[in-house]
C-alpha cells in the first residue's frame, strides 16, 4: 500500500507540473542540486566543485542556477552571477523543468519528473564501494527498488570514481544501465592539485589552530542511534598518546555525518578537540588533516587519494556487517582495522613507523581508481557535446 501511495503521489506531482512544460528548455541553463535541503550546507560536494570550474572555464557561457532550502544563506553566489531559488517554490520548479543540464549528487533524481530534453547527471555524494546502499540491504522493499528504477530511467550519465563503484553502486544498487563516465569525481580534483597544499595551511588558520600542530580528523558514518556505534572513542586519551609518541601537539577534529544525531560517539574531550560538523567543505578538511580515523564511510575513498595515514575504527563491525553489509570486505581495504580502543592505541606506533604507508595505493588498485584530477574538465567536455 505504501508503494502505491508513493506511486500515485509521483504521478500527481507530474500532472501538477504540466503547466511548466509550456516553457522551453534553455540550452545553456545548468541547474545544480546538492541533496534537498536540511540543516547541512548545501553548496557543497561534486556540484559545488563543478559549478566553480564551469564558471572559471566558460565565464558567461552558461546560466548557472542553484536550488536551496534557504537561498538567503547563499547570497554570496549572486555576487558571482549565480542565480538561486528555493526548493519547490514556483521559481525553483520553473528552473528545475527548463534547465538543459541538471547536476545532482542524488537529490530529486528518484522522484522528480524531469523532461525528456533534459540531461540529468548523477555525480553521487560518495565514492568507492563500502557499506551497502539501501537497495542492496536485506531490508530493501519494492518502493526502494522502484525509486532506483525511476532514477535510472531519468539519468543520462552517472559519474564514477572507480570500477568497484560502477559495478556495485551504479550498475548494482541504482540498477543503472545507461552511460557511466569513468572520469573520477569533481570534488576530488582538488586533492590532486597544489591547492590542497595551500588549504593545508589556510584551513588551520580559519580554525585558529597553530601552524605547528598536527591534525587528526575523526569522521564516522551514519547510524540510527549514537549508542549503536559501540565503544565510544576517548578523544583526550587518543591525543595524549599521539603527543607522547611524536613529541608534537595534536588536535582532534570530529565531523559527524549529516544524518547523525547531535551527540558524537566521543568522550574525554578537551580544549584540543573541536567539532567541525558544521564546516562547509569536507574536502578542505581532508586537505588539512594529517591523519584520518573513520569506519565504513565513503570518506575512505576521498582520503585515500592523499596518501596520508588512515585508520579504521569499527567497534560495531559484526552488527554492522550483519545488518548492513559491505560490497568489498573491510579486511581487504588495506588499512589497519581496530575493533576496540585498546587496539587503536596499540596500532599507533606501527602507523607512525610507516608500516601501512602503501595502504592508500593498494586500496586504489583494489577498487580500480579512475581519479586523475581532471574530472571537471572531462565532465565539461561531455556537457558541451550535449548542448552543441
Protein backbone atom coordinates (compact mmCIF):
# COMPACT_ATOMS: atom_id res chain seq x y z
CA UNK A 1 0.00 0.00 0.00
CA UNK A 2 2.83 2.41 0.88
CA UNK A 3 4.42 1.88 -2.54
CA UNK A 4 1.14 2.54 -4.36
CA UNK A 5 0.59 5.75 -2.41
CA UNK A 6 4.06 6.98 -3.40
CA UNK A 7 3.40 5.98 -7.00
CA UNK A 8 0.12 7.91 -7.05
CA UNK A 9 1.81 10.92 -5.43
CA UNK A 10 4.56 10.87 -8.04
CA UNK A 11 2.01 10.82 -10.87
CA UNK A 12 0.06 13.62 -9.21
CA UNK A 13 3.19 15.78 -8.97
CA UNK A 14 3.93 15.19 -12.66
CA UNK A 15 0.37 16.21 -13.52
CA UNK A 16 0.52 19.38 -11.42
CA UNK A 17 3.80 20.40 -13.06
CA UNK A 18 2.50 20.08 -16.62
CA UNK A 19 1.92 23.86 -16.98
CA UNK A 20 5.67 24.37 -16.64
CA UNK A 21 6.09 22.39 -19.87
CA UNK A 22 4.83 25.46 -21.70
CA UNK A 23 8.25 27.00 -21.05
CA UNK A 24 11.07 25.81 -23.33
CA UNK A 25 14.14 24.02 -22.04
CA UNK A 26 17.03 26.51 -22.27
CA UNK A 27 20.13 25.00 -23.86
CA UNK A 28 22.76 26.77 -21.78
CA UNK A 29 20.96 26.71 -18.43
CA UNK A 30 22.62 24.45 -15.83
CA UNK A 31 20.85 23.51 -12.60
CA UNK A 32 22.78 22.37 -9.51
CA UNK A 33 21.32 20.25 -6.70
CA UNK A 34 23.16 19.04 -3.62
CA UNK A 35 20.59 16.83 -1.92
CA UNK A 36 17.35 18.50 -0.85
CA UNK A 37 17.85 20.92 1.96
CA UNK A 38 18.15 20.16 5.63
CA UNK A 39 20.41 21.52 8.33
CA UNK A 40 23.63 20.87 6.45
CA UNK A 41 25.45 23.10 3.98
CA UNK A 42 24.02 22.62 0.50
CA UNK A 43 26.61 24.45 -1.59
CA UNK A 44 28.98 21.52 -1.45
CA UNK A 45 30.27 18.26 -2.85
CA UNK A 46 30.59 17.48 -6.56
CA UNK A 47 28.01 20.04 -7.74
CA UNK A 48 29.89 22.86 -5.98
CA UNK A 49 33.27 21.94 -7.41
CA UNK A 50 31.99 21.51 -10.93
CA UNK A 51 30.00 24.75 -10.73
CA UNK A 52 33.13 26.69 -9.79
CA UNK A 53 35.13 25.00 -12.52
CA UNK A 54 32.46 25.70 -15.13
CA UNK A 55 32.22 29.36 -14.19
CA UNK A 56 36.00 29.77 -14.40
CA UNK A 57 36.46 27.76 -17.60
CA UNK A 58 33.49 29.19 -19.53
CA UNK A 59 32.68 32.58 -17.98
CA UNK A 60 29.34 33.86 -19.18
CA UNK A 61 28.64 30.91 -21.49
CA UNK A 62 26.19 29.21 -19.15
CA UNK A 63 23.36 30.38 -16.91
CA UNK A 64 24.04 28.79 -13.52
CA UNK A 65 21.21 28.04 -11.09
CA UNK A 66 21.29 26.58 -7.56
CA UNK A 67 18.30 25.38 -5.54
CA UNK A 68 18.48 25.66 -1.75
CA UNK A 69 16.28 25.20 1.27
CA UNK A 70 17.08 28.76 2.32
CA UNK A 71 18.59 30.78 -0.58
CA UNK A 72 19.34 33.80 1.63
CA UNK A 73 22.12 31.77 3.26
CA UNK A 74 23.90 31.72 -0.08
CA UNK A 75 23.56 35.33 -1.16
CA UNK A 76 27.29 35.41 -1.95
CA UNK A 77 26.55 33.35 -5.07
CA UNK A 78 24.54 36.20 -6.55
CA UNK A 79 27.67 38.35 -6.42
CA UNK A 80 29.29 35.73 -8.64
CA UNK A 81 26.45 35.89 -11.13
CA UNK A 82 24.82 32.63 -9.99
CA UNK A 83 21.05 32.59 -9.55
CA UNK A 84 19.45 30.90 -6.57
CA UNK A 85 15.92 29.75 -5.79
CA UNK A 86 14.11 27.86 -3.05
CA UNK A 87 13.31 24.17 -3.34
CA UNK A 88 9.72 23.61 -4.56
CA UNK A 89 8.99 27.32 -4.97
CA UNK A 90 7.44 28.44 -8.31
CA UNK A 91 10.84 29.79 -9.38
CA UNK A 92 12.59 26.62 -8.26
CA UNK A 93 10.16 24.40 -10.16
CA UNK A 94 10.49 26.62 -13.24
CA UNK A 95 14.29 26.31 -13.23
CA UNK A 96 14.10 22.58 -12.49
CA UNK A 97 11.98 22.00 -15.61
CA UNK A 98 13.72 24.39 -18.01
CA UNK A 99 17.41 23.63 -17.42
CA UNK A 100 19.03 21.62 -20.18
CA UNK A 101 21.69 20.24 -17.81
CA UNK A 102 20.95 19.06 -14.26
CA UNK A 103 23.91 18.30 -12.00
CA UNK A 104 22.90 16.40 -8.85
CA UNK A 105 24.65 14.35 -6.20
CA UNK A 106 21.50 12.35 -5.60
CA UNK A 107 18.71 14.82 -4.90
CA UNK A 108 15.49 14.90 -6.97
CA UNK A 109 16.52 12.08 -9.30
CA UNK A 110 14.45 9.36 -7.61
CA UNK A 111 11.15 11.19 -7.89
CA UNK A 112 11.16 14.48 -9.84
CA UNK A 113 9.54 14.33 -13.33
CA UNK A 114 12.33 15.85 -15.40
CA UNK A 115 11.59 16.30 -19.12
CA UNK A 116 12.99 14.16 -21.93
CA UNK A 117 15.03 17.03 -23.35
CA UNK A 118 16.86 17.47 -20.04
CA UNK A 119 20.23 15.85 -19.38
CA UNK A 120 20.40 14.69 -15.76
CA UNK A 121 23.88 13.80 -14.48
CA UNK A 122 24.28 11.95 -11.19
CA UNK A 123 27.62 12.71 -9.54
CA UNK A 124 26.55 10.99 -6.28
CA UNK A 125 27.93 12.07 -2.90
CA UNK A 126 30.15 9.14 -2.03
CA UNK A 127 33.00 7.34 -3.72
CA UNK A 128 34.37 3.82 -3.61
CA UNK A 129 32.23 0.80 -2.70
CA UNK A 130 31.94 0.23 1.04
CA UNK A 131 28.74 -0.15 3.07
CA UNK A 132 25.78 -1.33 1.02
CA UNK A 133 23.25 1.19 -0.19
CA UNK A 134 19.61 0.88 0.79
CA UNK A 135 18.52 -1.04 -2.31
CA UNK A 136 21.12 -3.74 -1.62
CA UNK A 137 20.34 -4.29 2.05
CA UNK A 138 18.17 -7.08 3.44
CA UNK A 139 15.53 -4.51 4.41
CA UNK A 140 15.08 -3.14 0.89
CA UNK A 141 11.49 -3.14 -0.36
CA UNK A 142 9.60 -2.75 -3.62
CA UNK A 143 9.26 1.00 -3.17
CA UNK A 144 13.03 1.39 -2.82
CA UNK A 145 13.64 -0.61 -5.98
CA UNK A 146 11.07 1.39 -7.91
CA UNK A 147 12.71 4.66 -6.86
CA UNK A 148 16.05 3.39 -8.13
CA UNK A 149 14.48 2.25 -11.39
CA UNK A 150 12.87 5.66 -11.83
CA UNK A 151 16.18 7.43 -11.20
CA UNK A 152 17.96 5.12 -13.63
CA UNK A 153 15.49 5.88 -16.42
CA UNK A 154 15.85 9.62 -15.94
CA UNK A 155 19.64 9.75 -15.64
CA UNK A 156 21.67 10.46 -18.77
CA UNK A 157 25.07 9.85 -17.20
CA UNK A 158 26.47 8.58 -13.91
CA UNK A 159 29.92 9.70 -12.76
CA UNK A 160 32.22 7.08 -11.28
CA UNK A 161 35.45 7.33 -9.32
CA UNK A 162 36.38 3.66 -9.60
CA UNK A 163 35.48 0.36 -11.21
CA UNK A 164 34.03 -1.02 -7.96
CA UNK A 165 31.64 1.95 -7.72
CA UNK A 166 30.48 1.41 -11.30
CA UNK A 167 29.82 -2.29 -10.64
CA UNK A 168 28.33 -2.26 -7.15
CA UNK A 169 26.68 1.16 -6.87
CA UNK A 170 25.76 2.49 -10.32
CA UNK A 171 25.04 -0.85 -12.01
CA UNK A 172 24.07 -2.59 -8.77
CA UNK A 173 22.19 -0.55 -6.17
CA UNK A 174 20.96 2.03 -8.70
CA UNK A 175 20.01 -0.57 -11.32
CA UNK A 176 21.54 1.80 -13.88
CA UNK A 177 22.11 0.54 -17.41
CA UNK A 178 22.94 3.86 -19.05
CA UNK A 179 26.18 5.72 -19.66
CA UNK A 180 28.81 5.71 -16.93
CA UNK A 181 31.52 8.36 -17.12
CA UNK A 182 34.69 6.80 -15.62
CA UNK A 183 36.29 10.18 -15.01
CA UNK A 184 36.58 10.44 -11.23
CA UNK A 185 34.69 12.89 -9.05
CA UNK A 186 34.81 16.71 -9.29
CA UNK A 187 35.21 17.23 -5.55
CA UNK A 188 38.38 15.16 -5.55
CA UNK A 189 40.17 17.12 -8.28
CA UNK A 190 41.36 19.40 -5.50
CA UNK A 191 43.29 16.53 -3.89
CA UNK A 192 45.50 16.29 -6.97
CA UNK A 193 46.27 19.98 -7.23
CA UNK A 194 48.69 22.29 -5.49
CA UNK A 195 45.63 23.96 -3.98
CA UNK A 196 45.40 21.13 -1.46
CA UNK A 197 48.78 22.17 -0.05
CA UNK A 198 47.54 25.74 0.24
CA UNK A 199 44.40 24.61 2.03
CA UNK A 200 46.53 22.57 4.43
CA UNK A 201 47.58 25.91 5.91
CA UNK A 202 44.53 28.10 5.31
CA UNK A 203 42.02 25.71 6.93
CA UNK A 204 44.17 25.54 10.04
CA UNK A 205 44.26 29.32 10.16
CA UNK A 206 40.48 29.57 9.75
CA UNK A 207 40.07 27.14 12.67
CA UNK A 208 42.62 29.13 14.72
CA UNK A 209 44.99 26.21 15.06
CA UNK A 210 48.76 26.73 15.37
CA UNK A 211 50.75 26.06 12.21
CA UNK A 212 52.98 23.64 14.11
CA UNK A 213 50.16 21.43 15.39
CA UNK A 214 49.11 18.21 13.69
CA UNK A 215 45.50 17.33 12.94
CA UNK A 216 43.65 14.08 13.41
CA UNK A 217 40.23 14.06 11.74
CA UNK A 218 37.58 11.65 13.05
CA UNK A 219 34.65 11.19 10.66
CA UNK A 220 32.40 8.16 11.31
CA UNK A 221 29.46 7.26 9.12
CA UNK A 222 25.76 7.35 9.94
CA UNK A 223 23.99 5.09 12.43
CA UNK A 224 20.40 5.23 13.54
CA UNK A 225 21.44 5.93 17.14
CA UNK A 226 24.62 7.10 18.87
CA UNK A 227 24.67 4.01 21.07
CA UNK A 228 24.92 1.74 18.05
CA UNK A 229 28.48 2.94 17.43
CA UNK A 230 29.69 0.52 20.08
CA UNK A 231 32.63 1.63 22.21
CA UNK A 232 32.87 5.46 22.09
CA UNK A 233 36.24 6.96 21.28
CA UNK A 234 38.14 8.69 24.09
CA UNK A 235 39.41 11.74 22.24
CA UNK A 236 41.56 13.11 25.04
CA UNK A 237 43.30 9.79 25.63
CA UNK A 238 43.99 9.36 21.93
CA UNK A 239 45.59 12.80 21.68
CA UNK A 240 47.64 12.18 24.81
CA UNK A 241 49.06 9.01 23.27
CA UNK A 242 49.89 10.73 19.97
CA UNK A 243 51.54 13.63 21.80
CA UNK A 244 53.77 11.24 23.72
CA UNK A 245 54.68 9.14 20.70
CA UNK A 246 55.57 12.05 18.41
CA UNK A 247 56.65 14.83 20.77
CA UNK A 248 54.25 17.12 18.90
CA UNK A 249 50.91 18.68 19.74
CA UNK A 250 47.92 17.03 18.11
CA UNK A 251 44.40 18.36 17.62
CA UNK A 252 41.30 16.23 17.14
CA UNK A 253 38.64 17.47 14.73
CA UNK A 254 35.49 15.41 14.67
CA UNK A 255 32.90 15.58 11.91
CA UNK A 256 29.57 13.84 12.24
CA UNK A 257 27.51 12.54 9.33
CA UNK A 258 24.78 14.94 8.20
CA UNK A 259 22.10 12.47 9.30
CA UNK A 260 23.70 11.63 12.63
CA UNK A 261 22.35 12.76 15.99
CA UNK A 262 23.69 15.72 17.92
CA UNK A 263 25.69 13.60 20.36
CA UNK A 264 29.02 12.41 18.88
CA UNK A 265 30.38 8.93 19.73
CA UNK A 266 33.24 10.56 21.65
CA UNK A 267 34.12 11.29 25.25
CA UNK A 268 37.07 12.65 27.20
CA UNK A 269 37.17 15.74 25.00
CA UNK A 270 39.41 18.65 25.96
CA UNK A 271 40.48 22.02 24.56
CA UNK A 272 42.41 20.31 21.75
CA UNK A 273 39.21 18.74 20.38
CA UNK A 274 36.91 20.61 18.03
CA UNK A 275 33.55 19.85 16.42
CA UNK A 276 33.78 20.69 12.71
CA UNK A 277 30.47 19.10 11.69
CA UNK A 278 29.21 22.49 10.51
CA UNK A 279 32.34 23.27 8.49
CA UNK A 280 31.03 23.90 4.94
CA UNK A 281 33.53 21.84 2.93
CA UNK A 282 34.66 18.31 3.77
CA UNK A 283 37.33 18.26 1.06
CA UNK A 284 39.07 21.23 2.64
CA UNK A 285 39.18 19.39 5.96
CA UNK A 286 40.74 16.40 4.20
CA UNK A 287 43.44 18.68 2.84
CA UNK A 288 44.17 19.96 6.34
CA UNK A 289 44.15 16.59 8.14
CA UNK A 290 47.43 14.74 8.76
CA UNK A 291 45.55 11.55 9.71
CA UNK A 292 42.01 10.27 9.35
CA UNK A 293 40.09 7.86 11.57
CA UNK A 294 36.80 6.62 10.18
CA UNK A 295 34.85 3.39 9.87
CA UNK A 296 32.65 2.43 6.92
CA UNK A 297 32.23 5.92 5.49
CA UNK A 298 32.91 6.63 1.83
CA UNK A 299 35.25 9.35 3.06
CA UNK A 300 37.76 6.48 2.95
CA UNK A 301 37.82 6.82 -0.82
CA UNK A 302 38.48 10.55 -0.81
CA UNK A 303 41.17 10.49 1.85
CA UNK A 304 42.97 7.53 0.29
CA UNK A 305 43.80 9.88 -2.59
CA UNK A 306 46.00 11.96 -0.27
CA UNK A 307 48.34 9.03 0.58
CA UNK A 308 48.20 10.05 4.26
CA UNK A 309 47.64 7.65 7.19
CA UNK A 310 44.12 6.30 7.63
CA UNK A 311 42.84 4.04 10.43
CA UNK A 312 39.53 2.16 10.52
CA UNK A 313 37.90 2.18 13.96
CA UNK A 314 34.92 -0.19 13.89
CA UNK A 315 33.78 -1.32 17.35
CA UNK A 316 30.37 -2.36 15.99
CA UNK A 317 31.75 -4.23 12.98
CA UNK A 318 29.92 -7.51 13.47
CA UNK A 319 26.50 -5.95 13.99
CA UNK A 320 27.07 -3.54 11.11
CA UNK A 321 28.22 -6.34 8.82
CA UNK A 322 25.17 -8.49 9.58
CA UNK A 323 22.74 -5.58 9.47
CA UNK A 324 24.00 -3.52 6.54
CA UNK A 325 26.79 -5.43 4.88
CA UNK A 326 29.65 -4.44 2.60
CA UNK A 327 30.37 -4.57 -1.11
CA UNK A 328 34.09 -5.18 -0.56
CA UNK A 329 35.30 -6.97 2.58
CA UNK A 330 36.61 -4.34 5.01
CA UNK A 331 39.57 -6.58 5.83
CA UNK A 332 40.78 -6.12 2.25
CA UNK A 333 40.70 -2.33 2.20
CA UNK A 334 44.40 -2.05 3.02
CA UNK A 335 44.14 -0.01 6.22
CA UNK A 336 44.64 -1.00 9.88
CA UNK A 337 41.34 -2.21 11.31
CA UNK A 338 40.66 -1.76 15.04
CA UNK A 339 37.68 -3.22 16.92
CA UNK A 340 38.44 -1.67 20.32
CA UNK A 341 40.02 1.47 21.69
CA UNK A 342 42.86 -0.65 23.06
CA UNK A 343 43.61 -1.95 19.57
CA UNK A 344 43.50 1.58 18.22
CA UNK A 345 46.03 2.88 20.73
CA UNK A 346 48.25 -0.15 20.16
CA UNK A 347 48.36 0.37 16.38
CA UNK A 348 49.55 4.00 16.56
CA UNK A 349 53.30 3.20 16.73
CA UNK A 350 53.01 0.96 13.66
CA UNK A 351 51.22 3.67 11.70
CA UNK A 352 53.84 6.21 12.73
CA UNK A 353 56.60 3.85 11.60
CA UNK A 354 55.12 3.73 8.10
CA UNK A 355 54.01 0.11 8.32
CA UNK A 356 50.83 0.94 6.38
CA UNK A 357 52.24 3.56 4.01
CA UNK A 358 51.29 1.52 0.94
CA UNK A 359 47.69 1.16 2.11
CA UNK A 360 46.22 4.04 0.07
CA UNK A 361 47.89 2.88 -3.15
CA UNK A 362 46.78 -0.71 -2.63
CA UNK A 363 43.27 0.49 -1.85
CA UNK A 364 43.03 2.46 -5.09
CA UNK A 365 44.27 -0.56 -7.02
CA UNK A 366 41.79 -2.86 -5.27
CA UNK A 367 38.82 -0.71 -6.25
CA UNK A 368 40.17 0.24 -9.69
CA UNK A 369 40.54 4.03 -9.39
CA UNK A 370 39.52 6.37 -12.21
CA UNK A 371 40.60 9.50 -10.31
CA UNK A 372 43.16 11.66 -12.10
CA UNK A 373 42.40 15.21 -11.02
CA UNK A 374 40.67 16.03 -14.34
CA UNK A 375 37.08 15.07 -13.59
CA UNK A 376 35.70 18.60 -14.03
CA UNK A 377 37.45 19.03 -17.37
CA UNK A 378 36.10 15.75 -18.70
CA UNK A 379 32.60 16.40 -17.40
CA UNK A 380 32.57 19.77 -19.16
CA UNK A 381 33.60 18.08 -22.41
CA UNK A 382 30.66 15.68 -22.05
CA UNK A 383 28.22 18.52 -21.36
CA UNK A 384 29.38 20.59 -24.30
CA UNK A 385 28.58 17.68 -26.60
CA UNK A 386 25.03 17.65 -25.18
CA UNK A 387 24.39 21.35 -25.81
CA UNK A 388 26.19 21.69 -29.14
